[in-house]
Amino acid sequence: MNGEDIIKQFKFDLKLDCSGLWSPLPVIKVKKTLDHMSKGEILKITATDTNAENDMLGYLNSSGHEFIGKEEAEGEYFYYIKKAV
């Protein structure tokens, strides 16, 4: 069973794969992706960098976007962010 099979509780509108990227690249990609999303949409991010969460939370605190949740499976981290309305 892979991480995608485990993570089913969150619904999302768009996926962003940041696997293999190291800080600060995941948060840069998240920002660029959110800039092109509609208000209220949910972005699912897949990351392997353990620092990605701290970087994203710092960015979210200053941007107003909402951190919805996080899951972890087999060395992958799944983050869910709602675009600010």
N, C-alpha and C. Protein backbone atom coordinates (compact mmCIF):
# COMPACT_ATOMS: atom_id res chain seq x y z
N MET A 1 0.86 -1.18 0.00
CA MET A 1 0.00 0.00 0.00
C MET A 1 0.89 1.23 0.00
N ASN A 2 0.62 2.20 -0.87
CA ASN A 2 1.42 3.42 -0.91
C ASN A 2 0.69 4.56 -0.22
N GLY A 3 1.36 5.71 -0.13
CA GLY A 3 0.79 6.86 0.54
C GLY A 3 -0.53 7.31 -0.04
N GLU A 4 -0.69 7.21 -1.34
CA GLU A 4 -1.93 7.64 -1.99
C GLU A 4 -3.11 6.79 -1.52
N ASP A 5 -2.87 5.52 -1.22
CA ASP A 5 -3.94 4.65 -0.73
C ASP A 5 -4.34 5.01 0.70
N ILE A 6 -3.38 5.45 1.48
CA ILE A 6 -3.63 5.77 2.89
C ILE A 6 -4.36 7.10 3.04
N ILE A 7 -3.99 8.09 2.23
CA ILE A 7 -4.52 9.43 2.38
C ILE A 7 -5.81 9.57 1.56
N LYS A 8 -6.94 9.53 2.23
CA LYS A 8 -8.21 9.65 1.51
C LYS A 8 -9.17 10.59 2.21
N GLN A 9 -8.80 11.12 3.37
CA GLN A 9 -9.75 11.92 4.12
C GLN A 9 -9.86 13.35 3.62
N PHE A 10 -8.86 13.86 2.93
CA PHE A 10 -8.88 15.23 2.45
C PHE A 10 -9.25 15.29 0.97
N LYS A 11 -10.15 16.17 0.64
CA LYS A 11 -10.46 16.41 -0.77
C LYS A 11 -9.61 17.58 -1.22
N PHE A 12 -9.22 17.59 -2.49
CA PHE A 12 -8.37 18.66 -2.99
C PHE A 12 -8.70 18.95 -4.45
N ASP A 13 -8.28 20.13 -4.90
CA ASP A 13 -8.54 20.56 -6.27
C ASP A 13 -7.33 20.38 -7.18
N LEU A 14 -6.14 20.46 -6.60
CA LEU A 14 -4.92 20.41 -7.40
C LEU A 14 -3.82 19.74 -6.60
N LYS A 15 -2.96 18.96 -7.29
CA LYS A 15 -1.83 18.29 -6.66
C LYS A 15 -0.53 18.93 -7.10
N LEU A 16 0.42 19.04 -6.17
CA LEU A 16 1.75 19.55 -6.47
C LEU A 16 2.77 18.59 -5.89
N ASP A 17 3.60 18.00 -6.73
CA ASP A 17 4.60 17.05 -6.27
C ASP A 17 5.94 17.76 -6.08
N CYS A 18 6.36 17.86 -4.83
CA CYS A 18 7.65 18.47 -4.49
C CYS A 18 8.63 17.42 -3.97
N SER A 19 8.36 16.16 -4.27
CA SER A 19 9.24 15.07 -3.83
C SER A 19 10.64 15.28 -4.39
N GLY A 20 11.64 15.08 -3.52
CA GLY A 20 13.02 15.20 -3.96
C GLY A 20 13.55 16.62 -3.95
N LEU A 21 12.71 17.60 -3.68
CA LEU A 21 13.15 19.00 -3.62
C LEU A 21 13.49 19.36 -2.18
N TRP A 22 14.52 20.17 -2.02
CA TRP A 22 14.97 20.59 -0.70
C TRP A 22 14.65 22.05 -0.48
N SER A 23 14.53 22.42 0.78
CA SER A 23 14.24 23.78 1.20
C SER A 23 15.20 24.75 0.52
N PRO A 24 14.68 25.84 0.00
CA PRO A 24 13.32 26.38 0.08
C PRO A 24 12.47 26.10 -1.16
N LEU A 25 12.90 25.20 -2.03
CA LEU A 25 12.18 24.98 -3.29
C LEU A 25 10.71 24.57 -3.12
N PRO A 26 10.37 23.67 -2.18
CA PRO A 26 8.95 23.32 -2.06
C PRO A 26 8.05 24.52 -1.78
N VAL A 27 8.45 25.39 -0.86
CA VAL A 27 7.60 26.53 -0.53
C VAL A 27 7.53 27.53 -1.68
N ILE A 28 8.59 27.65 -2.46
CA ILE A 28 8.57 28.53 -3.64
C ILE A 28 7.56 28.00 -4.65
N LYS A 29 7.58 26.68 -4.89
CA LYS A 29 6.61 26.08 -5.82
C LYS A 29 5.18 26.20 -5.29
N VAL A 30 5.01 26.04 -3.98
CA VAL A 30 3.67 26.18 -3.38
C VAL A 30 3.15 27.59 -3.62
N LYS A 31 3.98 28.59 -3.35
CA LYS A 31 3.56 29.98 -3.55
C LYS A 31 3.15 30.24 -4.99
N LYS A 32 3.98 29.81 -5.93
CA LYS A 32 3.66 30.02 -7.35
C LYS A 32 2.38 29.31 -7.76
N THR A 33 2.16 28.11 -7.24
CA THR A 33 0.96 27.36 -7.57
C THR A 33 -0.28 28.03 -6.99
N LEU A 34 -0.21 28.44 -5.71
CA LEU A 34 -1.35 29.11 -5.08
C LEU A 34 -1.69 30.42 -5.78
N ASP A 35 -0.69 31.11 -6.31
CA ASP A 35 -0.93 32.37 -7.03
C ASP A 35 -1.86 32.17 -8.22
N HIS A 36 -1.88 30.97 -8.79
CA HIS A 36 -2.69 30.70 -9.98
C HIS A 36 -3.98 29.94 -9.67
N MET A 37 -4.24 29.69 -8.40
CA MET A 37 -5.46 28.98 -8.01
C MET A 37 -6.55 29.97 -7.64
N SER A 38 -7.78 29.49 -7.67
CA SER A 38 -8.93 30.31 -7.29
C SER A 38 -9.11 30.29 -5.78
N LYS A 39 -9.69 31.35 -5.27
CA LYS A 39 -9.95 31.44 -3.84
C LYS A 39 -10.81 30.26 -3.37
N GLY A 40 -10.43 29.69 -2.23
CA GLY A 40 -11.18 28.57 -1.66
C GLY A 40 -10.75 27.20 -2.15
N GLU A 41 -9.95 27.13 -3.21
CA GLU A 41 -9.49 25.83 -3.69
C GLU A 41 -8.45 25.26 -2.74
N ILE A 42 -8.32 23.93 -2.76
CA ILE A 42 -7.40 23.24 -1.88
C ILE A 42 -6.27 22.61 -2.69
N LEU A 43 -5.05 22.86 -2.24
CA LEU A 43 -3.85 22.33 -2.86
C LEU A 43 -3.30 21.20 -2.01
N LYS A 44 -3.00 20.08 -2.65
CA LYS A 44 -2.34 18.95 -1.97
C LYS A 44 -0.88 18.94 -2.41
N ILE A 45 0.02 18.98 -1.43
CA ILE A 45 1.44 18.98 -1.71
C ILE A 45 2.04 17.67 -1.21
N THR A 46 2.86 17.04 -2.04
CA THR A 46 3.63 15.88 -1.64
C THR A 46 5.08 16.32 -1.53
N ALA A 47 5.71 16.04 -0.38
CA ALA A 47 7.10 16.43 -0.17
C ALA A 47 7.84 15.31 0.56
N THR A 48 9.15 15.30 0.38
CA THR A 48 10.00 14.35 1.09
C THR A 48 10.97 15.06 2.03
N ASP A 49 11.11 16.36 1.91
CA ASP A 49 11.99 17.15 2.76
C ASP A 49 11.32 17.38 4.12
N THR A 50 11.98 16.97 5.19
CA THR A 50 11.39 17.12 6.52
C THR A 50 11.27 18.58 6.94
N ASN A 51 11.99 19.49 6.31
CA ASN A 51 11.89 20.92 6.63
C ASN A 51 10.76 21.62 5.88
N ALA A 52 10.14 20.94 4.95
CA ALA A 52 9.10 21.57 4.13
C ALA A 52 7.96 22.11 4.99
N GLU A 53 7.59 21.38 6.02
CA GLU A 53 6.47 21.82 6.86
C GLU A 53 6.76 23.16 7.54
N ASN A 54 7.94 23.30 8.13
CA ASN A 54 8.29 24.56 8.79
C ASN A 54 8.29 25.72 7.80
N ASP A 55 8.86 25.49 6.62
CA ASP A 55 8.89 26.54 5.59
C ASP A 55 7.47 26.93 5.18
N MET A 56 6.62 25.93 4.96
CA MET A 56 5.25 26.22 4.53
C MET A 56 4.46 26.94 5.60
N LEU A 57 4.60 26.51 6.85
CA LEU A 57 3.87 27.17 7.93
C LEU A 57 4.31 28.62 8.07
N GLY A 58 5.59 28.88 7.91
CA GLY A 58 6.08 30.27 7.94
C GLY A 58 5.47 31.09 6.83
N TYR A 59 5.44 30.53 5.63
CA TYR A 59 4.83 31.22 4.50
C TYR A 59 3.33 31.44 4.72
N LEU A 60 2.64 30.43 5.21
CA LEU A 60 1.20 30.54 5.42
C LEU A 60 0.86 31.60 6.48
N ASN A 61 1.68 31.71 7.50
CA ASN A 61 1.43 32.73 8.53
C ASN A 61 1.47 34.14 7.96
N SER A 62 2.30 34.35 6.94
CA SER A 62 2.40 35.69 6.36
C SER A 62 1.47 35.90 5.17
N SER A 63 0.97 34.82 4.58
CA SER A 63 0.17 34.94 3.35
C SER A 63 -1.34 34.92 3.59
N GLY A 64 -1.76 34.33 4.71
CA GLY A 64 -3.19 34.23 4.99
C GLY A 64 -3.85 32.97 4.48
N HIS A 65 -3.13 32.14 3.72
CA HIS A 65 -3.68 30.87 3.28
C HIS A 65 -3.84 29.96 4.49
N GLU A 66 -4.74 28.99 4.40
CA GLU A 66 -5.07 28.15 5.56
C GLU A 66 -4.45 26.76 5.45
N PHE A 67 -3.72 26.36 6.49
CA PHE A 67 -3.19 25.01 6.59
C PHE A 67 -4.32 24.11 7.07
N ILE A 68 -4.71 23.14 6.25
CA ILE A 68 -5.84 22.28 6.58
C ILE A 68 -5.39 21.01 7.30
N GLY A 69 -4.28 20.45 6.88
CA GLY A 69 -3.84 19.23 7.53
C GLY A 69 -2.61 18.63 6.90
N LYS A 70 -2.14 17.58 7.54
CA LYS A 70 -0.92 16.89 7.11
C LYS A 70 -1.09 15.40 7.37
N GLU A 71 -0.54 14.61 6.48
CA GLU A 71 -0.48 13.16 6.66
C GLU A 71 0.93 12.72 6.29
N GLU A 72 1.33 11.59 6.80
CA GLU A 72 2.64 11.04 6.48
C GLU A 72 2.49 9.56 6.18
N ALA A 73 3.18 9.11 5.15
CA ALA A 73 3.16 7.69 4.80
C ALA A 73 4.42 7.34 4.04
N GLU A 74 5.13 6.35 4.54
CA GLU A 74 6.29 5.78 3.85
C GLU A 74 7.29 6.84 3.41
N GLY A 75 7.63 7.77 4.30
CA GLY A 75 8.64 8.77 4.00
C GLY A 75 8.17 9.94 3.17
N GLU A 76 6.88 9.99 2.88
CA GLU A 76 6.31 11.12 2.14
C GLU A 76 5.39 11.90 3.07
N TYR A 77 5.38 13.20 2.89
CA TYR A 77 4.53 14.08 3.67
C TYR A 77 3.51 14.70 2.73
N PHE A 78 2.26 14.70 3.14
CA PHE A 78 1.18 15.26 2.34
C PHE A 78 0.59 16.43 3.11
N TYR A 79 0.62 17.60 2.51
CA TYR A 79 0.10 18.82 3.13
C TYR A 79 -1.08 19.32 2.33
N TYR A 80 -2.06 19.88 3.03
CA TYR A 80 -3.27 20.40 2.39
C TYR A 80 -3.44 21.87 2.78
N ILE A 81 -3.52 22.72 1.77
CA ILE A 81 -3.59 24.16 1.99
C ILE A 81 -4.78 24.72 1.22
N LYS A 82 -5.56 25.56 1.90
CA LYS A 82 -6.70 26.21 1.26
C LYS A 82 -6.31 27.62 0.89
N LYS A 83 -6.52 27.97 -0.38
CA LYS A 83 -6.22 29.31 -0.87
C LYS A 83 -7.09 30.32 -0.14
N ALA A 84 -6.48 31.40 0.31
CA ALA A 84 -7.20 32.44 1.06
C ALA A 84 -8.33 33.03 0.22
N VAL A 85 -9.44 33.31 0.92
CA VAL A 85 -10.60 33.92 0.24
C VAL A 85 -10.64 35.40 0.48
